[in-house]
Amino acid sequence: GMIDYLGSDMHNIKHAHIIMDYLNSKEWRKLSREIEPTIK
């Protein structure tokens, strides 16, 4: 419970592709529910 902010730290379009693919994963769906309460 120690994540206060999430960031893309996006430097290029390749980073965008990686993030987009990850957001469609089962892991992210589970993880996002866990961290959502602390994100500001």
Full PDB file with SEQRES, HELIX, SHEET, SSBOND, CRYST1, ORIGX, SCALE, CONECT and MASTER records, all heavy atoms in Angstrom:
SEQRES   1 A   40  GLY MET ILE ASP TYR LEU GLY SER ASP MET HIS ASN ILE          
SEQRES   2 A   40  LYS HIS ALA HIS ILE ILE MET ASP TYR LEU ASN SER LYS          
SEQRES   3 A   40  GLU TRP ARG LYS LEU SER ARG GLU ILE GLU PRO THR ILE          
SEQRES   4 A   40  LYS                                                          
HELIX    1 AA1 ILE A   13  LEU A   23  1                                  11    
HELIX    2 AA2 LYS A   26  ILE A   35  1                                  10    
HELIX    3 AA3 GLU A   36  THR A   38  5                                   3    
CRYST1    1.000    1.000    1.000  90.00  90.00  90.00 P 1           1          
ORIGX1      1.000000  0.000000  0.000000        0.00000                         
ORIGX2      0.000000  1.000000  0.000000        0.00000                         
ORIGX3      0.000000  0.000000  1.000000        0.00000                         
SCALE1      1.000000  0.000000  0.000000        0.00000                         
SCALE2      0.000000  1.000000  0.000000        0.00000                         
SCALE3      0.000000  0.000000  1.000000        0.00000                         
ATOM      1  N   GLY A   1       0.794  -1.230   0.000  1.00  0.00           N  
ATOM      2  CA  GLY A   1       0.000   0.000   0.000  1.00  0.00           C  
ATOM      3  C   GLY A   1       0.818   1.267   0.000  1.00  0.00           C  
ATOM      4  O   GLY A   1       0.417   2.280   0.582  1.00  0.00           O  
ATOM      5  N   MET A   2       1.978   1.251  -0.674  1.00  0.00           N  
ATOM      6  CA  MET A   2       2.889   2.390  -0.621  1.00  0.00           C  
ATOM      7  C   MET A   2       3.076   3.078  -1.974  1.00  0.00           C  
ATOM      8  O   MET A   2       4.047   3.798  -2.172  1.00  0.00           O  
ATOM      9  CB  MET A   2       4.241   1.943  -0.060  1.00  0.00           C  
ATOM     10  CG  MET A   2       4.167   1.557   1.407  1.00  0.00           C  
ATOM     11  SD  MET A   2       5.729   0.895   2.060  1.00  0.00           S  
ATOM     12  CE  MET A   2       6.763   2.359   1.969  1.00  0.00           C  
ATOM     13  N   ILE A   3       2.147   2.858  -2.899  1.00  0.00           N  
ATOM     14  CA  ILE A   3       2.204   3.598  -4.160  1.00  0.00           C  
ATOM     15  C   ILE A   3       1.241   4.780  -4.058  1.00  0.00           C  
ATOM     16  O   ILE A   3       0.035   4.605  -3.929  1.00  0.00           O  
ATOM     17  CB  ILE A   3       1.820   2.722  -5.369  1.00  0.00           C  
ATOM     18  CG1 ILE A   3       2.734   1.497  -5.452  1.00  0.00           C  
ATOM     19  CG2 ILE A   3       1.910   3.537  -6.655  1.00  0.00           C  
ATOM     20  CD1 ILE A   3       2.392   0.562  -6.601  1.00  0.00           C  
ATOM     21  N   ASP A   4       1.795   5.989  -4.096  1.00  0.00           N  
ATOM     22  CA  ASP A   4       0.973   7.191  -4.016  1.00  0.00           C  
ATOM     23  C   ASP A   4       0.579   7.706  -5.396  1.00  0.00           C  
ATOM     24  O   ASP A   4      -0.515   8.257  -5.571  1.00  0.00           O  
ATOM     25  CB  ASP A   4       1.741   8.292  -3.269  1.00  0.00           C  
ATOM     26  CG  ASP A   4       2.130   7.852  -1.870  1.00  0.00           C  
ATOM     27  OD1 ASP A   4       1.223   7.718  -1.030  1.00  0.00           O  
ATOM     28  OD2 ASP A   4       3.331   7.621  -1.629  1.00  0.00           O  
ATOM     29  N   TYR A   5       1.479   7.536  -6.357  1.00  0.00           N  
ATOM     30  CA  TYR A   5       1.237   8.005  -7.722  1.00  0.00           C  
ATOM     31  C   TYR A   5       1.750   6.957  -8.707  1.00  0.00           C  
ATOM     32  O   TYR A   5       2.766   6.305  -8.449  1.00  0.00           O  
ATOM     33  CB  TYR A   5       1.962   9.329  -7.989  1.00  0.00           C  
ATOM     34  CG  TYR A   5       1.558  10.446  -7.059  1.00  0.00           C  
ATOM     35  CD1 TYR A   5       2.274  10.692  -5.887  1.00  0.00           C  
ATOM     36  CD2 TYR A   5       0.458  11.247  -7.346  1.00  0.00           C  
ATOM     37  CE1 TYR A   5       1.902  11.699  -5.020  1.00  0.00           C  
ATOM     38  CE2 TYR A   5       0.074  12.271  -6.484  1.00  0.00           C  
ATOM     39  CZ  TYR A   5       0.804  12.487  -5.314  1.00  0.00           C  
ATOM     40  OH  TYR A   5       0.427  13.484  -4.454  1.00  0.00           O  
ATOM     41  N   LEU A   6       1.055   6.818  -9.808  1.00  0.00           N  
ATOM     42  CA  LEU A   6       1.538   6.002 -10.919  1.00  0.00           C  
ATOM     43  C   LEU A   6       1.909   6.930 -12.063  1.00  0.00           C  
ATOM     44  O   LEU A   6       1.268   7.970 -12.271  1.00  0.00           O  
ATOM     45  CB  LEU A   6       0.468   5.016 -11.387  1.00  0.00           C  
ATOM     46  CG  LEU A   6       0.240   3.789 -10.503  1.00  0.00           C  
ATOM     47  CD1 LEU A   6      -1.001   3.043 -10.955  1.00  0.00           C  
ATOM     48  CD2 LEU A   6       1.453   2.865 -10.528  1.00  0.00           C  
ATOM     49  N   GLY A   7       2.942   6.566 -12.805  1.00  0.00           N  
ATOM     50  CA  GLY A   7       3.352   7.373 -13.945  1.00  0.00           C  
ATOM     51  C   GLY A   7       3.675   6.488 -15.129  1.00  0.00           C  
ATOM     52  O   GLY A   7       4.064   5.325 -14.965  1.00  0.00           O  
ATOM     53  N   SER A   8       3.521   7.043 -16.317  1.00  0.00           N  
ATOM     54  CA  SER A   8       3.908   6.277 -17.502  1.00  0.00           C  
ATOM     55  C   SER A   8       5.416   6.301 -17.701  1.00  0.00           C  
ATOM     56  O   SER A   8       5.997   5.344 -18.193  1.00  0.00           O  
ATOM     57  CB  SER A   8       3.214   6.848 -18.751  1.00  0.00           C  
ATOM     58  OG  SER A   8       3.757   8.117 -19.089  1.00  0.00           O  
ATOM     59  N   ASP A   9       6.060   7.418 -17.306  1.00  0.00           N  
ATOM     60  CA  ASP A   9       7.484   7.648 -17.602  1.00  0.00           C  
ATOM     61  C   ASP A   9       7.745   7.392 -19.083  1.00  0.00           C  
ATOM     62  O   ASP A   9       8.798   6.891 -19.478  1.00  0.00           O  
ATOM     63  CB  ASP A   9       8.385   6.767 -16.742  1.00  0.00           C  
ATOM     64  CG  ASP A   9       9.817   7.302 -16.633  1.00  0.00           C  
ATOM     65  OD1 ASP A   9      10.090   8.388 -17.198  1.00  0.00           O  
ATOM     66  OD2 ASP A   9      10.658   6.631 -16.007  1.00  0.00           O  
ATOM     67  N   MET A  10       6.772   7.750 -19.885  1.00  0.00           N  
ATOM     68  CA  MET A  10       6.815   7.499 -21.329  1.00  0.00           C  
ATOM     69  C   MET A  10       7.849   8.402 -22.001  1.00  0.00           C  
ATOM     70  O   MET A  10       7.807   9.611 -21.894  1.00  0.00           O  
ATOM     71  CB  MET A  10       5.426   7.758 -21.913  1.00  0.00           C  
ATOM     72  CG  MET A  10       5.227   7.340 -23.344  1.00  0.00           C  
ATOM     73  SD  MET A  10       3.579   7.841 -23.953  1.00  0.00           S  
ATOM     74  CE  MET A  10       2.482   6.908 -22.892  1.00  0.00           C  
ATOM     75  N   HIS A  11       8.801   7.774 -22.712  1.00  0.00           N  
ATOM     76  CA  HIS A  11       9.804   8.510 -23.464  1.00  0.00           C  
ATOM     77  C   HIS A  11       9.579   8.434 -24.976  1.00  0.00           C  
ATOM     78  O   HIS A  11      10.150   9.227 -25.727  1.00  0.00           O  
ATOM     79  CB  HIS A  11      11.207   7.955 -23.177  1.00  0.00           C  
ATOM     80  CG  HIS A  11      11.769   8.346 -21.844  1.00  0.00           C  
ATOM     81  ND1 HIS A  11      11.208   7.931 -20.647  1.00  0.00           N  
ATOM     82  CD2 HIS A  11      12.854   9.100 -21.516  1.00  0.00           C  
ATOM     83  CE1 HIS A  11      11.935   8.421 -19.647  1.00  0.00           C  
ATOM     84  NE2 HIS A  11      12.931   9.129 -20.142  1.00  0.00           N  
ATOM     85  N   ASN A  12       8.806   7.457 -25.420  1.00  0.00           N  
ATOM     86  CA  ASN A  12       8.619   7.228 -26.852  1.00  0.00           C  
ATOM     87  C   ASN A  12       7.365   6.387 -27.076  1.00  0.00           C  
ATOM     88  O   ASN A  12       6.742   5.905 -26.117  1.00  0.00           O  
ATOM     89  CB  ASN A  12       9.855   6.533 -27.447  1.00  0.00           C  
ATOM     90  CG  ASN A  12      10.261   5.306 -26.636  1.00  0.00           C  
ATOM     91  OD1 ASN A  12       9.467   4.378 -26.465  1.00  0.00           O  
ATOM     92  ND2 ASN A  12      11.483   5.306 -26.116  1.00  0.00           N  
ATOM     93  N   ILE A  13       7.009   6.198 -28.323  1.00  0.00           N  
ATOM     94  CA  ILE A  13       5.789   5.471 -28.652  1.00  0.00           C  
ATOM     95  C   ILE A  13       5.910   3.990 -28.330  1.00  0.00           C  
ATOM     96  O   ILE A  13       4.908   3.304 -28.076  1.00  0.00           O  
ATOM     97  CB  ILE A  13       5.395   5.706 -30.132  1.00  0.00           C  
ATOM     98  CG1 ILE A  13       3.879   5.528 -30.323  1.00  0.00           C  
ATOM     99  CG2 ILE A  13       6.196   4.845 -31.074  1.00  0.00           C  
ATOM    100  CD1 ILE A  13       3.043   6.577 -29.643  1.00  0.00           C  
ATOM    101  N   LYS A  14       7.144   3.463 -28.316  1.00  0.00           N  
ATOM    102  CA  LYS A  14       7.346   2.065 -27.910  1.00  0.00           C  
ATOM    103  C   LYS A  14       6.871   1.850 -26.483  1.00  0.00           C  
ATOM    104  O   LYS A  14       6.216   0.844 -26.169  1.00  0.00           O  
ATOM    105  CB  LYS A  14       8.824   1.687 -28.040  1.00  0.00           C  
ATOM    106  CG  LYS A  14       9.143   0.288 -27.530  1.00  0.00           C  
ATOM    107  CD  LYS A  14      10.642   0.016 -27.542  1.00  0.00           C  
ATOM    108  CE  LYS A  14      10.963  -1.330 -26.895  1.00  0.00           C  
ATOM    109  NZ  LYS A  14      12.424  -1.590 -26.847  1.00  0.00           N  
ATOM    110  N   HIS A  15       7.196   2.787 -25.599  1.00  0.00           N  
ATOM    111  CA  HIS A  15       6.726   2.695 -24.224  1.00  0.00           C  
ATOM    112  C   HIS A  15       5.204   2.673 -24.179  1.00  0.00           C  
ATOM    113  O   HIS A  15       4.604   1.943 -23.369  1.00  0.00           O  
ATOM    114  CB  HIS A  15       7.250   3.871 -23.404  1.00  0.00           C  
ATOM    115  CG  HIS A  15       8.711   3.801 -23.100  1.00  0.00           C  
ATOM    116  ND1 HIS A  15       9.421   4.868 -22.606  1.00  0.00           N  
ATOM    117  CD2 HIS A  15       9.597   2.780 -23.225  1.00  0.00           C  
ATOM    118  CE1 HIS A  15      10.680   4.515 -22.420  1.00  0.00           C  
ATOM    119  NE2 HIS A  15      10.816   3.253 -22.795  1.00  0.00           N  
ATOM    120  N   ALA A  16       4.581   3.483 -25.016  1.00  0.00           N  
ATOM    121  CA  ALA A  16       3.117   3.513 -25.060  1.00  0.00           C  
ATOM    122  C   ALA A  16       2.547   2.153 -25.429  1.00  0.00           C  
ATOM    123  O   ALA A  16       1.594   1.668 -24.817  1.00  0.00           O  
ATOM    124  CB  ALA A  16       2.641   4.570 -26.057  1.00  0.00           C  
ATOM    125  N   HIS A  17       3.142   1.505 -26.426  1.00  0.00           N  
ATOM    126  CA  HIS A  17       2.683   0.180 -26.846  1.00  0.00           C  
ATOM    127  C   HIS A  17       2.784  -0.833 -25.706  1.00  0.00           C  
ATOM    128  O   HIS A  17       1.864  -1.636 -25.486  1.00  0.00           O  
ATOM    129  CB  HIS A  17       3.516  -0.319 -28.028  1.00  0.00           C  
ATOM    130  CG  HIS A  17       3.195   0.369 -29.314  1.00  0.00           C  
ATOM    131  ND1 HIS A  17       4.066   0.362 -30.379  1.00  0.00           N  
ATOM    132  CD2 HIS A  17       2.120   1.078 -29.709  1.00  0.00           C  
ATOM    133  CE1 HIS A  17       3.529   1.035 -31.386  1.00  0.00           C  
ATOM    134  NE2 HIS A  17       2.364   1.481 -30.991  1.00  0.00           N  
ATOM    135  N   ILE A  18       3.909  -0.803 -24.989  1.00  0.00           N  
ATOM    136  CA  ILE A  18       4.120  -1.752 -23.895  1.00  0.00           C  
ATOM    137  C   ILE A  18       3.078  -1.545 -22.800  1.00  0.00           C  
ATOM    138  O   ILE A  18       2.491  -2.506 -22.276  1.00  0.00           O  
ATOM    139  CB  ILE A  18       5.543  -1.612 -23.331  1.00  0.00           C  
ATOM    140  CG1 ILE A  18       6.583  -1.997 -24.388  1.00  0.00           C  
ATOM    141  CG2 ILE A  18       5.720  -2.480 -22.079  1.00  0.00           C  
ATOM    142  CD1 ILE A  18       8.006  -1.662 -23.994  1.00  0.00           C  
ATOM    143  N   ILE A  19       2.840  -0.287 -22.453  1.00  0.00           N  
ATOM    144  CA  ILE A  19       1.848   0.023 -21.426  1.00  0.00           C  
ATOM    145  C   ILE A  19       0.451  -0.413 -21.862  1.00  0.00           C  
ATOM    146  O   ILE A  19      -0.298  -1.032 -21.090  1.00  0.00           O  
ATOM    147  CB  ILE A  19       1.872   1.526 -21.095  1.00  0.00           C  
ATOM    148  CG1 ILE A  19       3.181   1.888 -20.369  1.00  0.00           C  
ATOM    149  CG2 ILE A  19       0.667   1.917 -20.234  1.00  0.00           C  
ATOM    150  CD1 ILE A  19       3.422   3.372 -20.209  1.00  0.00           C  
ATOM    151  N   MET A  20       0.100  -0.125 -23.101  1.00  0.00           N  
ATOM    152  CA  MET A  20      -1.233  -0.472 -23.593  1.00  0.00           C  
ATOM    153  C   MET A  20      -1.458  -1.982 -23.555  1.00  0.00           C  
ATOM    154  O   MET A  20      -2.522  -2.461 -23.143  1.00  0.00           O  
ATOM    155  CB  MET A  20      -1.427   0.086 -25.000  1.00  0.00           C  
ATOM    156  CG  MET A  20      -1.452   1.607 -25.042  1.00  0.00           C  
ATOM    157  SD  MET A  20      -1.422   2.281 -26.717  1.00  0.00           S  
ATOM    158  CE  MET A  20      -3.160   2.527 -26.987  1.00  0.00           C  
ATOM    159  N   ASP A  21      -0.456  -2.736 -23.972  1.00  0.00           N  
ATOM    160  CA  ASP A  21      -0.576  -4.194 -23.931  1.00  0.00           C  
ATOM    161  C   ASP A  21      -0.724  -4.684 -22.487  1.00  0.00           C  
ATOM    162  O   ASP A  21      -1.525  -5.580 -22.203  1.00  0.00           O  
ATOM    163  CB  ASP A  21       0.636  -4.854 -24.585  1.00  0.00           C  
ATOM    164  CG  ASP A  21       0.638  -4.727 -26.108  1.00  0.00           C  
ATOM    165  OD1 ASP A  21      -0.434  -4.434 -26.676  1.00  0.00           O  
ATOM    166  OD2 ASP A  21       1.710  -4.909 -26.714  1.00  0.00           O  
ATOM    167  N   TYR A  22       0.044  -4.094 -21.582  1.00  0.00           N  
ATOM    168  CA  TYR A  22      -0.010  -4.529 -20.188  1.00  0.00           C  
ATOM    169  C   TYR A  22      -1.375  -4.231 -19.559  1.00  0.00           C  
ATOM    170  O   TYR A  22      -1.892  -5.040 -18.768  1.00  0.00           O  
ATOM    171  CB  TYR A  22       1.099  -3.859 -19.381  1.00  0.00           C  
ATOM    172  CG  TYR A  22       1.139  -4.315 -17.939  1.00  0.00           C  
ATOM    173  CD1 TYR A  22       1.532  -5.616 -17.624  1.00  0.00           C  
ATOM    174  CD2 TYR A  22       0.771  -3.471 -16.904  1.00  0.00           C  
ATOM    175  CE1 TYR A  22       1.553  -6.061 -16.301  1.00  0.00           C  
ATOM    176  CE2 TYR A  22       0.789  -3.899 -15.588  1.00  0.00           C  
ATOM    177  CZ  TYR A  22       1.178  -5.197 -15.291  1.00  0.00           C  
ATOM    178  OH  TYR A  22       1.188  -5.631 -13.991  1.00  0.00           O  
ATOM    179  N   LEU A  23      -1.954  -3.095 -19.893  1.00  0.00           N  
ATOM    180  CA  LEU A  23      -3.257  -2.741 -19.327  1.00  0.00           C  
ATOM    181  C   LEU A  23      -4.350  -3.713 -19.751  1.00  0.00           C  
ATOM    182  O   LEU A  23      -5.382  -3.823 -19.079  1.00  0.00           O  
ATOM    183  CB  LEU A  23      -3.656  -1.311 -19.727  1.00  0.00           C  
ATOM    184  CG  LEU A  23      -2.775  -0.180 -19.204  1.00  0.00           C  
ATOM    185  CD1 LEU A  23      -3.390   1.172 -19.549  1.00  0.00           C  
ATOM    186  CD2 LEU A  23      -2.541  -0.294 -17.702  1.00  0.00           C  
ATOM    187  N   ASN A  24      -4.111  -4.428 -20.838  1.00  0.00           N  
ATOM    188  CA  ASN A  24      -5.087  -5.424 -21.306  1.00  0.00           C  
ATOM    189  C   ASN A  24      -4.865  -6.800 -20.681  1.00  0.00           C  
ATOM    190  O   ASN A  24      -5.574  -7.746 -21.012  1.00  0.00           O  
ATOM    191  CB  ASN A  24      -5.020  -5.549 -22.834  1.00  0.00           C  
ATOM    192  CG  ASN A  24      -5.656  -4.355 -23.525  1.00  0.00           C  
ATOM    193  OD1 ASN A  24      -6.578  -3.735 -22.995  1.00  0.00           O  
ATOM    194  ND2 ASN A  24      -5.173  -4.016 -24.697  1.00  0.00           N  
ATOM    195  N   SER A  25      -3.887  -6.903 -19.778  1.00  0.00           N  
ATOM    196  CA  SER A  25      -3.539  -8.203 -19.202  1.00  0.00           C  
ATOM    197  C   SER A  25      -4.382  -8.509 -17.965  1.00  0.00           C  
ATOM    198  O   SER A  25      -4.878  -7.606 -17.277  1.00  0.00           O  
ATOM    199  CB  SER A  25      -2.057  -8.240 -18.828  1.00  0.00           C  
ATOM    200  OG  SER A  25      -1.794  -7.394 -17.713  1.00  0.00           O  
ATOM    201  N   LYS A  26      -4.495  -9.789 -17.653  1.00  0.00           N  
ATOM    202  CA  LYS A  26      -5.187 -10.222 -16.440  1.00  0.00           C  
ATOM    203  C   LYS A  26      -4.447  -9.742 -15.194  1.00  0.00           C  
ATOM    204  O   LYS A  26      -5.067  -9.394 -14.184  1.00  0.00           O  
ATOM    205  CB  LYS A  26      -5.313 -11.744 -16.420  1.00  0.00           C  
ATOM    206  CG  LYS A  26      -6.267 -12.314 -17.459  1.00  0.00           C  
ATOM    207  CD  LYS A  26      -6.344 -13.826 -17.352  1.00  0.00           C  
ATOM    208  CE  LYS A  26      -7.297 -14.393 -18.398  1.00  0.00           C  
ATOM    209  NZ  LYS A  26      -7.373 -15.886 -18.328  1.00  0.00           N  
ATOM    210  N   GLU A  27      -3.115  -9.731 -15.271  1.00  0.00           N  
ATOM    211  CA  GLU A  27      -2.338  -9.276 -14.122  1.00  0.00           C  
ATOM    212  C   GLU A  27      -2.696  -7.849 -13.743  1.00  0.00           C  
ATOM    213  O   GLU A  27      -2.872  -7.542 -12.558  1.00  0.00           O  
ATOM    214  CB  GLU A  27      -0.842  -9.381 -14.411  1.00  0.00           C  
ATOM    215  CG  GLU A  27       0.019  -8.892 -13.253  1.00  0.00           C  
ATOM    216  CD  GLU A  27       1.503  -9.018 -13.516  1.00  0.00           C  
ATOM    217  OE1 GLU A  27       2.008 -10.150 -13.422  1.00  0.00           O  
ATOM    218  OE2 GLU A  27       2.148  -7.991 -13.818  1.00  0.00           O  
ATOM    219  N   TRP A  28      -2.792  -6.965 -14.736  1.00  0.00           N  
ATOM    220  CA  TRP A  28      -3.115  -5.572 -14.431  1.00  0.00           C  
ATOM    221  C   TRP A  28      -4.514  -5.438 -13.840  1.00  0.00           C  
ATOM    222  O   TRP A  28      -4.729  -4.664 -12.915  1.00  0.00           O  
ATOM    223  CB  TRP A  28      -2.987  -4.694 -15.666  1.00  0.00           C  
ATOM    224  CG  TRP A  28      -3.514  -3.309 -15.405  1.00  0.00           C  
ATOM    225  CD1 TRP A  28      -4.652  -2.750 -15.901  1.00  0.00           C  
ATOM    226  CD2 TRP A  28      -2.929  -2.309 -14.541  1.00  0.00           C  
ATOM    227  NE1 TRP A  28      -4.826  -1.478 -15.404  1.00  0.00           N  
ATOM    228  CE2 TRP A  28      -3.778  -1.191 -14.569  1.00  0.00           C  
ATOM    229  CE3 TRP A  28      -1.777  -2.274 -13.759  1.00  0.00           C  
ATOM    230  CZ2 TRP A  28      -3.510  -0.036 -13.844  1.00  0.00           C  
ATOM    231  CZ3 TRP A  28      -1.519  -1.123 -13.027  1.00  0.00           C  
ATOM    232  CH2 TRP A  28      -2.366  -0.032 -13.078  1.00  0.00           C  
ATOM    233  N   ARG A  29      -5.477  -6.192 -14.358  1.00  0.00           N  
ATOM    234  CA  ARG A  29      -6.834  -6.096 -13.829  1.00  0.00           C  
ATOM    235  C   ARG A  29      -6.855  -6.428 -12.335  1.00  0.00           C  
ATOM    236  O   ARG A  29      -7.528  -5.758 -11.550  1.00  0.00           O  
ATOM    237  CB  ARG A  29      -7.774  -7.029 -14.594  1.00  0.00           C  
ATOM    238  CG  ARG A  29      -8.133  -6.516 -15.977  1.00  0.00           C  
ATOM    239  CD  ARG A  29      -9.376  -7.192 -16.523  1.00  0.00           C  
ATOM    240  NE  ARG A  29      -9.149  -8.610 -16.798  1.00  0.00           N  
ATOM    241  CZ  ARG A  29      -8.661  -9.074 -17.942  1.00  0.00           C  
ATOM    242  NH1 ARG A  29      -8.336  -8.229 -18.919  1.00  0.00           N  
ATOM    243  NH2 ARG A  29      -8.500 -10.372 -18.135  1.00  0.00           N  
ATOM    244  N   LYS A  30      -6.100  -7.434 -11.939  1.00  0.00           N  
ATOM    245  CA  LYS A  30      -6.024  -7.801 -10.530  1.00  0.00           C  
ATOM    246  C   LYS A  30      -5.233  -6.764  -9.729  1.00  0.00           C  
ATOM    247  O   LYS A  30      -5.657  -6.327  -8.645  1.00  0.00           O  
ATOM    248  CB  LYS A  30      -5.381  -9.180 -10.394  1.00  0.00           C  
ATOM    249  CG  LYS A  30      -5.259  -9.664  -8.957  1.00  0.00           C  
ATOM    250  CD  LYS A  30      -4.607 -11.042  -8.910  1.00  0.00           C  
ATOM    251  CE  LYS A  30      -4.455 -11.515  -7.465  1.00  0.00           C  
ATOM    252  NZ  LYS A  30      -3.789 -12.839  -7.389  1.00  0.00           N  
ATOM    253  N   LEU A  31      -4.088  -6.351 -10.260  1.00  0.00           N  
ATOM    254  CA  LEU A  31      -3.215  -5.411  -9.556  1.00  0.00           C  
ATOM    255  C   LEU A  31      -3.880  -4.044  -9.388  1.00  0.00           C  
ATOM    256  O   LEU A  31      -3.760  -3.409  -8.332  1.00  0.00           O  
ATOM    257  CB  LEU A  31      -1.897  -5.269 -10.320  1.00  0.00           C  
ATOM    258  CG  LEU A  31      -0.793  -4.439  -9.668  1.00  0.00           C  
ATOM    259  CD1 LEU A  31      -0.354  -5.069  -8.352  1.00  0.00           C  
ATOM    260  CD2 LEU A  31       0.398  -4.305 -10.616  1.00  0.00           C  
ATOM    261  N   SER A  32      -4.580  -3.589 -10.399  1.00  0.00           N  
ATOM    262  CA  SER A  32      -5.189  -2.259 -10.348  1.00  0.00           C  
ATOM    263  C   SER A  32      -6.221  -2.167  -9.223  1.00  0.00           C  
ATOM    264  O   SER A  32      -6.351  -1.124  -8.579  1.00  0.00           O  
ATOM    265  CB  SER A  32      -5.821  -1.899 -11.694  1.00  0.00           C  
ATOM    266  OG  SER A  32      -6.878  -2.778 -12.014  1.00  0.00           O  
ATOM    267  N   ARG A  33      -6.941  -3.247  -8.976  1.00  0.00           N  
ATOM    268  CA  ARG A  33      -7.918  -3.251  -7.871  1.00  0.00           C  
ATOM    269  C   ARG A  33      -7.209  -3.120  -6.526  1.00  0.00           C  
ATOM    270  O   ARG A  33      -7.732  -2.507  -5.590  1.00  0.00           O  
ATOM    271  CB  ARG A  33      -8.760  -4.525  -7.906  1.00  0.00           C  
ATOM    272  CG  ARG A  33      -9.734  -4.590  -9.071  1.00  0.00           C  
ATOM    273  CD  ARG A  33     -10.753  -5.704  -8.882  1.00  0.00           C  
ATOM    274  NE  ARG A  33     -10.135  -7.026  -8.928  1.00  0.00           N  
ATOM    275  CZ  ARG A  33      -9.985  -7.742 -10.038  1.00  0.00           C  
ATOM    276  NH1 ARG A  33     -10.414  -7.258 -11.201  1.00  0.00           N  
ATOM    277  NH2 ARG A  33      -9.426  -8.950  -9.996  1.00  0.00           N  
ATOM    278  N   GLU A  34      -6.003  -3.685  -6.442  1.00  0.00           N  
ATOM    279  CA  GLU A  34      -5.243  -3.639  -5.198  1.00  0.00           C  
ATOM    280  C   GLU A  34      -4.688  -2.255  -4.913  1.00  0.00           C  
ATOM    281  O   GLU A  34      -4.671  -1.790  -3.768  1.00  0.00           O  
ATOM    282  CB  GLU A  34      -4.096  -4.655  -5.264  1.00  0.00           C  
ATOM    283  CG  GLU A  34      -3.264  -4.737  -4.007  1.00  0.00           C  
ATOM    284  CD  GLU A  34      -2.187  -5.811  -4.078  1.00  0.00           C  
ATOM    285  OE1 GLU A  34      -2.021  -6.436  -5.159  1.00  0.00           O  
ATOM    286  OE2 GLU A  34      -1.499  -6.025  -3.065  1.00  0.00           O  
ATOM    287  N   ILE A  35      -4.225  -1.560  -5.962  1.00  0.00           N  
ATOM    288  CA  ILE A  35      -3.533  -0.284  -5.733  1.00  0.00           C  
ATOM    289  C   ILE A  35      -4.428   0.941  -5.869  1.00  0.00           C  
ATOM    290  O   ILE A  35      -4.068   2.020  -5.411  1.00  0.00           O  
ATOM    291  CB  ILE A  35      -2.321  -0.135  -6.689  1.00  0.00           C  
ATOM    292  CG1 ILE A  35      -2.782  -0.108  -8.150  1.00  0.00           C  
ATOM    293  CG2 ILE A  35      -1.314  -1.244  -6.454  1.00  0.00           C  
ATOM    294  CD1 ILE A  35      -1.638   0.027  -9.133  1.00  0.00           C  
ATOM    295  N   GLU A  36      -5.594   0.789  -6.458  1.00  0.00           N  
ATOM    296  CA  GLU A  36      -6.456   1.951  -6.706  1.00  0.00           C  
ATOM    297  C   GLU A  36      -6.724   2.788  -5.456  1.00  0.00           C  
ATOM    298  O   GLU A  36      -6.709   4.036  -5.529  1.00  0.00           O  
ATOM    299  CB  GLU A  36      -7.777   1.506  -7.337  1.00  0.00           C  
ATOM    300  CG  GLU A  36      -8.689   2.674  -7.697  1.00  0.00           C  
ATOM    301  CD  GLU A  36      -9.924   2.248  -8.478  1.00  0.00           C  
ATOM    302  OE1 GLU A  36     -10.078   1.037  -8.764  1.00  0.00           O  
ATOM    303  OE2 GLU A  36     -10.724   3.135  -8.809  1.00  0.00           O  
ATOM    304  N   PRO A  37      -6.951   2.194  -4.271  1.00  0.00           N  
ATOM    305  CA  PRO A  37      -7.280   3.018  -3.098  1.00  0.00           C  
ATOM    306  C   PRO A  37      -6.193   4.001  -2.677  1.00  0.00           C  
ATOM    307  O   PRO A  37      -6.488   4.993  -2.001  1.00  0.00           O  
ATOM    308  CB  PRO A  37      -7.524   1.968  -1.999  1.00  0.00           C  
ATOM    309  CG  PRO A  37      -7.920   0.736  -2.731  1.00  0.00           C  
ATOM    310  CD  PRO A  37      -7.086   0.754  -3.980  1.00  0.00           C  
ATOM    311  N   THR A  38      -4.931   3.754  -3.039  1.00  0.00           N  
ATOM    312  CA  THR A  38      -3.851   4.635  -2.570  1.00  0.00           C  
ATOM    313  C   THR A  38      -3.433   5.685  -3.604  1.00  0.00           C  
ATOM    314  O   THR A  38      -2.654   6.584  -3.282  1.00  0.00           O  
ATOM    315  CB  THR A  38      -2.597   3.816  -2.191  1.00  0.00           C  
ATOM    316  OG1 THR A  38      -2.010   3.232  -3.368  1.00  0.00           O  
ATOM    317  CG2 THR A  38      -2.944   2.723  -1.197  1.00  0.00           C  
ATOM    318  N   ILE A  39      -3.939   5.598  -4.834  1.00  0.00           N  
ATOM    319  CA  ILE A  39      -3.447   6.455  -5.924  1.00  0.00           C  
ATOM    320  C   ILE A  39      -4.050   7.850  -5.860  1.00  0.00           C  
ATOM    321  O   ILE A  39      -5.265   8.011  -5.805  1.00  0.00           O  
ATOM    322  CB  ILE A  39      -3.733   5.797  -7.289  1.00  0.00           C  
ATOM    323  CG1 ILE A  39      -3.046   4.430  -7.374  1.00  0.00           C  
ATOM    324  CG2 ILE A  39      -3.255   6.705  -8.431  1.00  0.00           C  
ATOM    325  CD1 ILE A  39      -1.553   4.451  -7.136  1.00  0.00           C  
ATOM    326  N   LYS A  40      -3.177   8.863  -5.911  1.00  0.00           N  
ATOM    327  CA  LYS A  40      -3.588  10.260  -5.723  1.00  0.00           C  
ATOM    328  C   LYS A  40      -3.402  11.111  -6.979  1.00  0.00           C  
ATOM    329  O   LYS A  40      -3.454  12.352  -6.896  1.00  0.00           O  
ATOM    330  CB  LYS A  40      -2.798  10.883  -4.568  1.00  0.00           C  
ATOM    331  CG  LYS A  40      -2.893  10.105  -3.251  1.00  0.00           C  
ATOM    332  CD  LYS A  40      -1.943  10.670  -2.216  1.00  0.00           C  
ATOM    333  CE  LYS A  40      -2.004   9.891  -0.903  1.00  0.00           C  
ATOM    334  NZ  LYS A  40      -1.518   8.496  -1.040  1.00  0.00           N  
TER     335      LYS A  40                                                      
MASTER        0    0    0    3    0    0    0    6  334    1    0    4          
END                                                                             
